[in-house]
Amino acid sequence: IDDILKDLGIERIDGMLLDLGVSSYQLDNAERGFSYHTDAELDMRMSREGLSARDVVNTYPYNELCRILFEYGEEKFAGAIVNGIVKARAEKPIETTLELAEIIKENVPQRVRRDGHPARKSFQALRIAVNDELGVLERGLDGAFELLGSGGRLAVITFHSLEDRIVKQKMASWCQGCTCPKDFPVCVCGNKPKAKLVVRKPVCANETELRNNPRARSAKLRICEKI
């Protein structure tokens, strides 16, 4: 963000909208390795640079893989799935999306297989880890807020709970003033709010929009204004 605005000769902005939805074109392109429906090389890199999902699945230790699936995918059966991954990769590297999807399917309870595709959460988790999506989001929010002028607004559309939690907490931290203990008679920290919320609760799509755009079902819009 800094580099783009410097190139444009802009020091401060009146507003910025961050739409955190991933590219449907990339996800739907089987060759990119995001999909558990079609067979392809296990890649998942948005930029085609750095470690791929294949590298992560075949080299990361058990505990780290469990953390990724549990934290980024909110996968309750992370331990069982990773056990299956570790056993499979001991025999040969896991190379493709369908290989991984089948391993996941074999290591979750039967009832989970009836509730949507059992690989959905794990594939989301790996995609987030491979692309450092949450780290990029944290840095992007700080960069955007820093460049806002007084009265400038930052609006962010999130699509899953992990992103929304980061945005909510970040905006709350900017809006927080005094951090002194509640039993202090007067403020000694001198901290003042840097922003105020424009909407107290996230704005979600109404029924009309959902009929026209079903993918907006999980979208949440939060807005804050720099003081």
Foldseek 3Di string as FASTA:
>chain_A
DVVVCVVVVAQADQEDEAELDDDPVLCVPVAQQLDLPDKYWQALEPVSDDDGLLCCLQPPDLVVQLCLLCVQLVDPQSNQLNVLSVVVVVVPRDTISNSSLVSQVVRDDPVCPVVPRSCVSSSRSSSCVRHVSVVVLLVVVVVNLVRHDAFHKYKYKDQDDVSVVSVVVVQVVLQDAAPDPPPDPDGDPRGHRQKAWPDPFWDADDPVVCVVPVSRRRITMTMITTD
